Amino acid sequence: MLEWIILIVVIVFIAIIIFSYYNRFAVLQNRIENSFAQIDVQLRKRADLVPNLIESVKGFMKHEQKMIREVSEARKALVSAMPSKDMAKKMKAGDMLQNALKSVFAIAENYPNLKANENFLHLQNELSAIEDKIAYARQFYNDSILSYNNLFRTIPGKWFAGLFSKKARHYLEIPTAARATPKVKF
């Protein structure tokens, strides 16, 4: 009788551990998916602001049609990448739009009336806030990946990851070109 009680206690203990690790992996995967979705939300907000920005800029920058077209094309690339689950494709499109927008703001320095335009300033501030949110969302995504990979690579998590067919996840990385130190000339 005592052997049966010990056997039942051991089986229940093992079952609790298995359920516990399964649930930990599930929670961490949900956190990763949520953080991925938050990046999507911010990229969408950025893409949605661009037409308003372009409209406020068009009247002032009549001679900058090439730059306006580049921003529009970059936005189009981002919007077409949004339904995709491919984070690399979204990040590339988002970076392309961000670089195009930097051009707008750099050229805006040559147009004092545009720099003083209240609508342009509001949109510029809004885009700046969204860029901060995108950076935070990327950081949160990578932090979530770190938690998941720590569980995946430590024992006994590694054993349970194999049992549940879980794979290590990859961090969001910035392109090599973006890592280069900016050159400042006076």
N, C-alpha and C. Protein backbone atom coordinates (compact mmCIF):
# COMPACT_ATOMS: atom_id res chain seq x y z
N MET A 1 0.82 -1.20 0.00
CA MET A 1 0.00 0.00 0.00
C MET A 1 0.87 1.27 0.00
N LEU A 2 1.90 1.28 0.81
CA LEU A 2 2.80 2.43 0.88
C LEU A 2 3.51 2.64 -0.45
N GLU A 3 3.87 1.55 -1.13
CA GLU A 3 4.53 1.67 -2.43
C GLU A 3 3.62 2.36 -3.44
N TRP A 4 2.33 2.04 -3.40
CA TRP A 4 1.38 2.66 -4.32
C TRP A 4 1.25 4.15 -4.05
N ILE A 5 1.22 4.52 -2.81
CA ILE A 5 1.11 5.94 -2.45
C ILE A 5 2.36 6.69 -2.93
N ILE A 6 3.53 6.11 -2.72
CA ILE A 6 4.78 6.73 -3.17
C ILE A 6 4.79 6.83 -4.68
N LEU A 7 4.37 5.79 -5.38
CA LEU A 7 4.32 5.79 -6.84
C LEU A 7 3.36 6.87 -7.34
N ILE A 8 2.21 7.00 -6.74
CA ILE A 8 1.23 8.02 -7.14
C ILE A 8 1.79 9.42 -6.89
N VAL A 9 2.44 9.63 -5.75
CA VAL A 9 3.04 10.93 -5.44
C VAL A 9 4.13 11.28 -6.46
N VAL A 10 4.96 10.32 -6.82
CA VAL A 10 6.02 10.54 -7.80
C VAL A 10 5.42 10.87 -9.17
N ILE A 11 4.40 10.14 -9.57
CA ILE A 11 3.75 10.39 -10.86
C ILE A 11 3.11 11.78 -10.88
N VAL A 12 2.43 12.16 -9.81
CA VAL A 12 1.82 13.49 -9.73
C VAL A 12 2.89 14.57 -9.75
N PHE A 13 3.99 14.34 -9.04
CA PHE A 13 5.09 15.31 -9.02
C PHE A 13 5.68 15.49 -10.42
N ILE A 14 5.91 14.41 -11.15
CA ILE A 14 6.45 14.48 -12.51
C ILE A 14 5.44 15.17 -13.43
N ALA A 15 4.18 14.86 -13.28
CA ALA A 15 3.14 15.50 -14.10
C ALA A 15 3.11 17.01 -13.85
N ILE A 16 3.24 17.42 -12.61
CA ILE A 16 3.24 18.85 -12.27
C ILE A 16 4.44 19.54 -12.92
N ILE A 17 5.60 18.91 -12.87
CA ILE A 17 6.79 19.50 -13.49
C ILE A 17 6.61 19.62 -15.00
N ILE A 18 6.09 18.57 -15.63
CA ILE A 18 5.87 18.60 -17.08
C ILE A 18 4.89 19.70 -17.45
N PHE A 19 3.77 19.79 -16.74
CA PHE A 19 2.79 20.84 -17.02
C PHE A 19 3.38 22.23 -16.77
N SER A 20 4.17 22.33 -15.73
CA SER A 20 4.79 23.61 -15.40
C SER A 20 5.70 24.09 -16.54
N TYR A 21 6.55 23.22 -17.03
CA TYR A 21 7.45 23.62 -18.12
C TYR A 21 6.69 23.85 -19.42
N TYR A 22 5.70 23.05 -19.69
CA TYR A 22 4.90 23.26 -20.89
C TYR A 22 4.26 24.64 -20.84
N ASN A 23 3.68 24.99 -19.68
CA ASN A 23 3.03 26.29 -19.52
C ASN A 23 4.04 27.44 -19.60
N ARG A 24 5.25 27.25 -19.07
CA ARG A 24 6.27 28.30 -19.16
C ARG A 24 6.62 28.57 -20.61
N PHE A 25 6.80 27.49 -21.39
CA PHE A 25 7.09 27.68 -22.82
C PHE A 25 5.92 28.38 -23.52
N ALA A 26 4.70 28.00 -23.18
CA ALA A 26 3.52 28.60 -23.81
C ALA A 26 3.43 30.10 -23.47
N VAL A 27 3.66 30.44 -22.23
CA VAL A 27 3.59 31.85 -21.81
C VAL A 27 4.67 32.67 -22.53
N LEU A 28 5.87 32.14 -22.60
CA LEU A 28 6.94 32.87 -23.27
C LEU A 28 6.69 33.00 -24.77
N GLN A 29 6.15 31.97 -25.40
CA GLN A 29 5.80 32.08 -26.82
C GLN A 29 4.72 33.13 -27.04
N ASN A 30 3.74 33.17 -26.15
CA ASN A 30 2.69 34.19 -26.25
C ASN A 30 3.27 35.59 -26.09
N ARG A 31 4.23 35.74 -25.18
CA ARG A 31 4.87 37.05 -24.98
C ARG A 31 5.62 37.46 -26.25
N ILE A 32 6.31 36.51 -26.88
CA ILE A 32 7.03 36.81 -28.12
C ILE A 32 6.05 37.22 -29.21
N GLU A 33 4.96 36.49 -29.35
CA GLU A 33 3.97 36.81 -30.38
C GLU A 33 3.33 38.17 -30.11
N ASN A 34 3.09 38.47 -28.85
CA ASN A 34 2.52 39.77 -28.49
C ASN A 34 3.50 40.89 -28.82
N SER A 35 4.75 40.71 -28.49
CA SER A 35 5.72 41.76 -28.76
C SER A 35 5.91 41.95 -30.27
N PHE A 36 5.84 40.86 -31.03
CA PHE A 36 5.88 40.94 -32.49
C PHE A 36 4.69 41.76 -32.99
N ALA A 37 3.52 41.50 -32.42
CA ALA A 37 2.32 42.24 -32.82
C ALA A 37 2.43 43.73 -32.47
N GLN A 38 3.08 44.04 -31.35
CA GLN A 38 3.25 45.44 -30.96
C GLN A 38 4.15 46.18 -31.95
N ILE A 39 5.15 45.49 -32.47
CA ILE A 39 6.00 46.10 -33.50
C ILE A 39 5.14 46.39 -34.72
N ASP A 40 4.30 45.43 -35.10
CA ASP A 40 3.39 45.62 -36.23
C ASP A 40 2.49 46.85 -36.03
N VAL A 41 1.96 46.99 -34.84
CA VAL A 41 1.06 48.12 -34.54
C VAL A 41 1.80 49.44 -34.77
N GLN A 42 3.01 49.54 -34.26
CA GLN A 42 3.76 50.79 -34.40
C GLN A 42 4.17 51.04 -35.85
N LEU A 43 4.54 49.98 -36.57
CA LEU A 43 4.87 50.15 -37.99
C LEU A 43 3.65 50.61 -38.77
N ARG A 44 2.49 50.08 -38.43
CA ARG A 44 1.25 50.49 -39.10
C ARG A 44 0.94 51.96 -38.79
N LYS A 45 1.12 52.37 -37.53
CA LYS A 45 0.87 53.77 -37.17
C LYS A 45 1.79 54.69 -37.95
N ARG A 46 3.05 54.28 -38.09
CA ARG A 46 4.01 55.08 -38.85
C ARG A 46 3.55 55.18 -40.30
N ALA A 47 3.18 54.05 -40.87
CA ALA A 47 2.74 54.04 -42.28
C ALA A 47 1.49 54.89 -42.47
N ASP A 48 0.60 54.88 -41.50
CA ASP A 48 -0.63 55.66 -41.61
C ASP A 48 -0.39 57.17 -41.51
N LEU A 49 0.67 57.58 -40.83
CA LEU A 49 0.97 59.01 -40.71
C LEU A 49 1.63 59.58 -41.96
N VAL A 50 2.28 58.74 -42.72
CA VAL A 50 3.05 59.23 -43.86
C VAL A 50 2.22 59.99 -44.88
N PRO A 51 1.03 59.52 -45.28
CA PRO A 51 0.26 60.31 -46.26
C PRO A 51 -0.05 61.72 -45.76
N ASN A 52 -0.34 61.88 -44.47
CA ASN A 52 -0.59 63.21 -43.92
C ASN A 52 0.67 64.07 -43.99
N LEU A 53 1.80 63.45 -43.68
CA LEU A 53 3.06 64.17 -43.75
C LEU A 53 3.35 64.62 -45.18
N ILE A 54 3.17 63.72 -46.12
CA ILE A 54 3.43 64.03 -47.52
C ILE A 54 2.52 65.17 -47.99
N GLU A 55 1.26 65.14 -47.59
CA GLU A 55 0.33 66.21 -47.99
C GLU A 55 0.77 67.55 -47.42
N SER A 56 1.25 67.57 -46.18
CA SER A 56 1.67 68.84 -45.59
C SER A 56 2.97 69.34 -46.21
N VAL A 57 3.77 68.43 -46.76
CA VAL A 57 5.05 68.79 -47.34
C VAL A 57 4.93 69.19 -48.81
N LYS A 58 3.99 68.60 -49.53
CA LYS A 58 3.89 68.80 -50.98
C LYS A 58 3.85 70.27 -51.38
N GLY A 59 3.05 71.04 -50.70
CA GLY A 59 2.92 72.44 -51.07
C GLY A 59 4.21 73.23 -50.92
N PHE A 60 5.01 72.87 -49.95
CA PHE A 60 6.25 73.59 -49.70
C PHE A 60 7.41 73.09 -50.55
N MET A 61 7.42 71.80 -50.83
CA MET A 61 8.56 71.18 -51.51
C MET A 61 8.21 70.78 -52.94
N LYS A 62 7.79 71.72 -53.71
CA LYS A 62 7.40 71.42 -55.09
C LYS A 62 8.56 70.88 -55.92
N HIS A 63 9.77 71.26 -55.57
CA HIS A 63 10.95 70.84 -56.34
C HIS A 63 11.54 69.53 -55.83
N GLU A 64 10.94 68.93 -54.86
CA GLU A 64 11.48 67.72 -54.25
C GLU A 64 10.60 66.50 -54.55
N GLN A 65 10.10 66.41 -55.75
CA GLN A 65 9.17 65.34 -56.12
C GLN A 65 9.82 63.96 -56.02
N LYS A 66 11.10 63.86 -56.35
CA LYS A 66 11.78 62.56 -56.28
C LYS A 66 11.77 62.03 -54.84
N MET A 67 12.07 62.91 -53.90
CA MET A 67 12.10 62.52 -52.49
C MET A 67 10.69 62.14 -52.01
N ILE A 68 9.70 62.88 -52.42
CA ILE A 68 8.32 62.57 -52.04
C ILE A 68 7.91 61.22 -52.62
N ARG A 69 8.32 60.95 -53.84
CA ARG A 69 8.02 59.66 -54.48
C ARG A 69 8.72 58.51 -53.72
N GLU A 70 9.95 58.73 -53.28
CA GLU A 70 10.68 57.71 -52.54
C GLU A 70 9.97 57.39 -51.22
N VAL A 71 9.48 58.41 -50.55
CA VAL A 71 8.75 58.19 -49.30
C VAL A 71 7.47 57.41 -49.57
N SER A 72 6.77 57.78 -50.63
CA SER A 72 5.53 57.08 -50.98
C SER A 72 5.80 55.61 -51.32
N GLU A 73 6.86 55.36 -52.07
CA GLU A 73 7.22 53.98 -52.43
C GLU A 73 7.64 53.18 -51.20
N ALA A 74 8.37 53.81 -50.29
CA ALA A 74 8.79 53.12 -49.06
C ALA A 74 7.58 52.79 -48.20
N ARG A 75 6.62 53.70 -48.14
CA ARG A 75 5.40 53.43 -47.38
C ARG A 75 4.64 52.28 -48.01
N LYS A 76 4.55 52.29 -49.34
CA LYS A 76 3.86 51.22 -50.05
C LYS A 76 4.51 49.86 -49.77
N ALA A 77 5.85 49.83 -49.74
CA ALA A 77 6.57 48.59 -49.43
C ALA A 77 6.26 48.11 -48.01
N LEU A 78 6.19 49.05 -47.07
CA LEU A 78 5.88 48.68 -45.68
C LEU A 78 4.46 48.15 -45.56
N VAL A 79 3.52 48.84 -46.18
CA VAL A 79 2.12 48.40 -46.11
C VAL A 79 1.96 47.02 -46.73
N SER A 80 2.66 46.76 -47.83
CA SER A 80 2.55 45.43 -48.45
C SER A 80 3.24 44.36 -47.63
N ALA A 81 4.21 44.74 -46.81
CA ALA A 81 4.91 43.77 -45.95
C ALA A 81 4.13 43.47 -44.67
N MET A 82 3.18 44.32 -44.29
CA MET A 82 2.48 44.18 -43.01
C MET A 82 1.75 42.84 -42.85
N PRO A 83 1.04 42.33 -43.85
CA PRO A 83 0.33 41.06 -43.62
C PRO A 83 1.28 39.87 -43.46
N SER A 84 2.52 40.03 -43.87
CA SER A 84 3.49 38.94 -43.82
C SER A 84 3.88 38.63 -42.37
N LYS A 85 4.23 37.39 -42.12
CA LYS A 85 4.76 36.99 -40.81
C LYS A 85 6.28 37.09 -40.79
N ASP A 86 6.87 37.49 -41.91
CA ASP A 86 8.31 37.59 -42.05
C ASP A 86 8.80 38.90 -41.43
N MET A 87 9.34 38.80 -40.22
CA MET A 87 9.78 39.99 -39.49
C MET A 87 10.93 40.68 -40.22
N ALA A 88 11.82 39.93 -40.85
CA ALA A 88 12.95 40.55 -41.56
C ALA A 88 12.44 41.44 -42.70
N LYS A 89 11.43 40.97 -43.41
CA LYS A 89 10.86 41.75 -44.51
C LYS A 89 10.23 43.03 -43.98
N LYS A 90 9.51 42.93 -42.86
CA LYS A 90 8.89 44.11 -42.26
C LYS A 90 9.93 45.11 -41.78
N MET A 91 10.98 44.59 -41.14
CA MET A 91 12.02 45.47 -40.62
C MET A 91 12.75 46.18 -41.77
N LYS A 92 13.00 45.46 -42.85
CA LYS A 92 13.67 46.07 -44.01
C LYS A 92 12.80 47.18 -44.59
N ALA A 93 11.50 46.90 -44.76
CA ALA A 93 10.58 47.91 -45.28
C ALA A 93 10.46 49.08 -44.31
N GLY A 94 10.40 48.79 -43.03
CA GLY A 94 10.32 49.86 -42.03
C GLY A 94 11.56 50.73 -42.02
N ASP A 95 12.73 50.10 -42.16
CA ASP A 95 13.98 50.87 -42.21
C ASP A 95 14.05 51.73 -43.47
N MET A 96 13.54 51.18 -44.58
CA MET A 96 13.53 51.94 -45.83
C MET A 96 12.66 53.19 -45.67
N LEU A 97 11.50 53.03 -45.02
CA LEU A 97 10.63 54.18 -44.80
C LEU A 97 11.27 55.17 -43.84
N GLN A 98 11.89 54.67 -42.80
CA GLN A 98 12.55 55.55 -41.84
C GLN A 98 13.65 56.37 -42.51
N ASN A 99 14.43 55.75 -43.37
CA ASN A 99 15.48 56.48 -44.08
C ASN A 99 14.89 57.52 -45.03
N ALA A 100 13.80 57.17 -45.69
CA ALA A 100 13.14 58.12 -46.59
C ALA A 100 12.60 59.31 -45.80
N LEU A 101 12.05 59.04 -44.62
CA LEU A 101 11.52 60.13 -43.79
C LEU A 101 12.65 61.02 -43.27
N LYS A 102 13.80 60.44 -42.99
CA LYS A 102 14.94 61.26 -42.57
C LYS A 102 15.29 62.26 -43.66
N SER A 103 15.17 61.83 -44.91
CA SER A 103 15.45 62.73 -46.04
C SER A 103 14.47 63.90 -46.04
N VAL A 104 13.20 63.60 -45.77
CA VAL A 104 12.19 64.65 -45.73
C VAL A 104 12.55 65.68 -44.67
N PHE A 105 12.90 65.20 -43.49
CA PHE A 105 13.19 66.13 -42.40
C PHE A 105 14.49 66.89 -42.64
N ALA A 106 15.45 66.25 -43.30
CA ALA A 106 16.70 66.95 -43.62
C ALA A 106 16.45 68.05 -44.65
N ILE A 107 15.66 67.75 -45.67
CA ILE A 107 15.36 68.74 -46.71
C ILE A 107 14.46 69.85 -46.15
N ALA A 108 13.64 69.50 -45.17
CA ALA A 108 12.74 70.50 -44.57
C ALA A 108 13.53 71.65 -43.95
N GLU A 109 14.77 71.40 -43.58
CA GLU A 109 15.61 72.46 -43.02
C GLU A 109 15.78 73.62 -44.01
N ASN A 110 15.66 73.33 -45.31
CA ASN A 110 15.81 74.37 -46.33
C ASN A 110 14.54 75.18 -46.55
N TYR A 111 13.46 74.81 -45.87
CA TYR A 111 12.17 75.47 -46.06
C TYR A 111 11.67 76.03 -44.72
N PRO A 112 12.03 77.28 -44.41
CA PRO A 112 11.65 77.85 -43.11
C PRO A 112 10.14 77.87 -42.87
N ASN A 113 9.37 78.11 -43.93
CA ASN A 113 7.92 78.13 -43.76
C ASN A 113 7.39 76.75 -43.38
N LEU A 114 8.00 75.72 -43.95
CA LEU A 114 7.59 74.35 -43.63
C LEU A 114 7.96 74.01 -42.19
N LYS A 115 9.17 74.39 -41.79
CA LYS A 115 9.60 74.12 -40.42
C LYS A 115 8.70 74.79 -39.39
N ALA A 116 8.09 75.91 -39.78
CA ALA A 116 7.21 76.64 -38.87
C ALA A 116 5.76 76.17 -38.98
N ASN A 117 5.45 75.34 -39.96
CA ASN A 117 4.08 74.87 -40.17
C ASN A 117 3.66 73.97 -39.01
N GLU A 118 2.57 74.33 -38.36
CA GLU A 118 2.09 73.61 -37.17
C GLU A 118 1.76 72.15 -37.46
N ASN A 119 1.12 71.89 -38.59
CA ASN A 119 0.75 70.52 -38.96
C ASN A 119 2.00 69.67 -39.18
N PHE A 120 2.99 70.23 -39.89
CA PHE A 120 4.25 69.51 -40.13
C PHE A 120 4.95 69.20 -38.81
N LEU A 121 5.02 70.19 -37.93
CA LEU A 121 5.67 69.99 -36.64
C LEU A 121 4.97 68.91 -35.82
N HIS A 122 3.64 68.94 -35.85
CA HIS A 122 2.87 67.92 -35.13
C HIS A 122 3.16 66.53 -35.68
N LEU A 123 3.16 66.40 -37.00
CA LEU A 123 3.44 65.10 -37.63
C LEU A 123 4.87 64.66 -37.35
N GLN A 124 5.79 65.58 -37.36
CA GLN A 124 7.19 65.26 -37.07
C GLN A 124 7.32 64.75 -35.64
N ASN A 125 6.66 65.41 -34.70
CA ASN A 125 6.70 64.96 -33.30
C ASN A 125 6.04 63.59 -33.13
N GLU A 126 4.94 63.40 -33.83
CA GLU A 126 4.22 62.12 -33.77
C GLU A 126 5.10 60.99 -34.31
N LEU A 127 5.76 61.23 -35.43
CA LEU A 127 6.65 60.21 -36.00
C LEU A 127 7.83 59.93 -35.07
N SER A 128 8.33 60.96 -34.44
CA SER A 128 9.43 60.77 -33.49
C SER A 128 8.98 59.90 -32.32
N ALA A 129 7.79 60.15 -31.82
CA ALA A 129 7.25 59.33 -30.72
C ALA A 129 7.05 57.88 -31.17
N ILE A 130 6.58 57.70 -32.40
CA ILE A 130 6.38 56.34 -32.91
C ILE A 130 7.73 55.63 -33.06
N GLU A 131 8.75 56.34 -33.50
CA GLU A 131 10.08 55.73 -33.62
C GLU A 131 10.56 55.24 -32.26
N ASP A 132 10.31 56.03 -31.22
CA ASP A 132 10.67 55.61 -29.87
C ASP A 132 9.90 54.35 -29.46
N LYS A 133 8.63 54.30 -29.82
CA LYS A 133 7.81 53.13 -29.48
C LYS A 133 8.27 51.89 -30.25
N ILE A 134 8.67 52.09 -31.50
CA ILE A 134 9.18 50.97 -32.29
C ILE A 134 10.47 50.44 -31.66
N ALA A 135 11.34 51.34 -31.25
CA ALA A 135 12.59 50.92 -30.61
C ALA A 135 12.29 50.15 -29.33
N TYR A 136 11.34 50.65 -28.53
CA TYR A 136 10.97 49.95 -27.31
C TYR A 136 10.37 48.57 -27.62
N ALA A 137 9.50 48.51 -28.63
CA ALA A 137 8.86 47.24 -28.98
C ALA A 137 9.90 46.23 -29.47
N ARG A 138 10.89 46.69 -30.22
CA ARG A 138 11.98 45.80 -30.66
C ARG A 138 12.76 45.29 -29.45
N GLN A 139 13.02 46.18 -28.51
CA GLN A 139 13.75 45.78 -27.30
C GLN A 139 12.93 44.77 -26.51
N PHE A 140 11.64 45.00 -26.37
CA PHE A 140 10.78 44.07 -25.64
C PHE A 140 10.74 42.71 -26.33
N TYR A 141 10.69 42.73 -27.66
CA TYR A 141 10.71 41.48 -28.43
C TYR A 141 12.00 40.71 -28.13
N ASN A 142 13.13 41.39 -28.21
CA ASN A 142 14.41 40.72 -27.95
C ASN A 142 14.52 40.26 -26.50
N ASP A 143 13.97 41.02 -25.56
CA ASP A 143 13.96 40.59 -24.16
C ASP A 143 13.11 39.33 -23.99
N SER A 144 12.00 39.26 -24.71
CA SER A 144 11.14 38.07 -24.67
C SER A 144 11.87 36.86 -25.26
N ILE A 145 12.60 37.09 -26.34
CA ILE A 145 13.40 36.02 -26.95
C ILE A 145 14.46 35.55 -25.95
N LEU A 146 15.08 36.48 -25.24
CA LEU A 146 16.09 36.14 -24.25
C LEU A 146 15.51 35.23 -23.17
N SER A 147 14.34 35.58 -22.64
CA SER A 147 13.71 34.75 -21.61
C SER A 147 13.41 33.35 -22.14
N TYR A 148 12.88 33.29 -23.35
CA TYR A 148 12.55 32.00 -23.97
C TYR A 148 13.81 31.18 -24.18
N ASN A 149 14.84 31.79 -24.76
CA ASN A 149 16.07 31.06 -25.04
C ASN A 149 16.79 30.63 -23.76
N ASN A 150 16.69 31.44 -22.71
CA ASN A 150 17.28 31.03 -21.43
C ASN A 150 16.60 29.76 -20.92
N LEU A 151 15.29 29.71 -21.01
CA LEU A 151 14.57 28.51 -20.60
C LEU A 151 14.92 27.35 -21.51
N PHE A 152 15.03 27.63 -22.79
CA PHE A 152 15.33 26.60 -23.79
C PHE A 152 16.73 26.00 -23.59
N ARG A 153 17.68 26.81 -23.18
CA ARG A 153 19.08 26.36 -23.12
C ARG A 153 19.55 25.90 -21.75
N THR A 154 18.73 26.04 -20.74
CA THR A 154 19.14 25.60 -19.40
C THR A 154 18.47 24.27 -19.07
N ILE A 155 19.13 23.55 -18.18
CA ILE A 155 18.59 22.25 -17.76
C ILE A 155 17.72 22.51 -16.54
N PRO A 156 16.56 21.97 -16.43
CA PRO A 156 15.92 20.93 -17.22
C PRO A 156 15.09 21.46 -18.39
N GLY A 157 15.06 22.79 -18.60
CA GLY A 157 14.28 23.36 -19.69
C GLY A 157 14.67 22.78 -21.04
N LYS A 158 15.97 22.53 -21.21
CA LYS A 158 16.45 21.97 -22.47
C LYS A 158 15.82 20.61 -22.73
N TRP A 159 15.68 19.80 -21.69
CA TRP A 159 15.07 18.47 -21.84
C TRP A 159 13.59 18.62 -22.23
N PHE A 160 12.91 19.53 -21.57
CA PHE A 160 11.49 19.71 -21.87
C PHE A 160 11.29 20.35 -23.25
N ALA A 161 12.22 21.22 -23.65
CA ALA A 161 12.13 21.80 -25.00
C ALA A 161 12.19 20.69 -26.04
N GLY A 162 13.07 19.73 -25.82
CA GLY A 162 13.15 18.58 -26.73
C GLY A 162 11.89 17.75 -26.69
N LEU A 163 11.35 17.56 -25.50
CA LEU A 163 10.12 16.78 -25.32
C LEU A 163 8.95 17.45 -26.04
N PHE A 164 8.90 18.79 -26.00
CA PHE A 164 7.79 19.54 -26.61
C PHE A 164 8.11 20.02 -28.02
N SER A 165 9.25 19.60 -28.57
CA SER A 165 9.69 19.98 -29.93
C SER A 165 9.81 21.49 -30.10
N LYS A 166 10.36 22.16 -29.11
CA LYS A 166 10.56 23.61 -29.18
C LYS A 166 11.93 23.90 -29.76
N LYS A 167 12.04 24.99 -30.47
CA LYS A 167 13.30 25.41 -31.10
C LYS A 167 13.69 26.77 -30.54
N ALA A 168 15.00 27.05 -30.57
CA ALA A 168 15.48 28.36 -30.14
C ALA A 168 14.93 29.42 -31.10
N ARG A 169 14.73 30.61 -30.58
CA ARG A 169 14.21 31.72 -31.39
C ARG A 169 15.35 32.69 -31.69
N HIS A 170 15.16 33.52 -32.71
CA HIS A 170 16.20 34.45 -33.13
C HIS A 170 15.82 35.89 -32.77
N TYR A 171 16.84 36.65 -32.42
CA TYR A 171 16.66 38.06 -32.09
C TYR A 171 16.45 38.89 -33.34
N LEU A 172 15.83 40.05 -33.16
CA LEU A 172 15.80 41.04 -34.23
C LEU A 172 17.17 41.69 -34.25
N GLU A 173 17.74 41.78 -35.40
CA GLU A 173 19.06 42.40 -35.52
C GLU A 173 18.97 43.57 -36.48
N ILE A 174 19.76 44.57 -36.18
CA ILE A 174 19.80 45.71 -37.09
C ILE A 174 20.77 45.39 -38.22
N PRO A 175 20.52 45.93 -39.40
CA PRO A 175 21.41 45.66 -40.52
C PRO A 175 22.82 46.17 -40.24
N THR A 176 23.81 45.55 -40.83
CA THR A 176 25.20 45.93 -40.63
C THR A 176 25.42 47.39 -40.98
N ALA A 177 24.77 47.86 -42.03
CA ALA A 177 24.93 49.26 -42.45
C ALA A 177 24.48 50.23 -41.35
N ALA A 178 23.45 49.85 -40.59
CA ALA A 178 22.94 50.73 -39.54
C ALA A 178 23.86 50.73 -38.33
N ARG A 179 24.73 49.74 -38.21
CA ARG A 179 25.65 49.68 -37.08
C ARG A 179 26.84 50.59 -37.25
N ALA A 180 27.12 51.00 -38.45
CA ALA A 180 28.29 51.84 -38.73
C ALA A 180 28.17 53.16 -37.98
N THR A 181 29.29 53.62 -37.48
CA THR A 181 29.33 54.89 -36.77
C THR A 181 29.11 56.02 -37.77
N PRO A 182 28.14 56.91 -37.47
CA PRO A 182 27.91 58.00 -38.41
C PRO A 182 29.12 58.92 -38.47
N LYS A 183 29.41 59.40 -39.65
CA LYS A 183 30.53 60.32 -39.85
C LYS A 183 29.98 61.74 -39.82
N VAL A 184 30.59 62.55 -38.99
CA VAL A 184 30.16 63.94 -38.84
C VAL A 184 31.28 64.82 -39.37
N LYS A 185 30.93 65.71 -40.31
CA LYS A 185 31.91 66.65 -40.87
C LYS A 185 31.41 68.07 -40.65
N PHE A 186 32.34 68.91 -40.29
CA PHE A 186 32.01 70.33 -40.09
C PHE A 186 32.66 71.17 -41.16
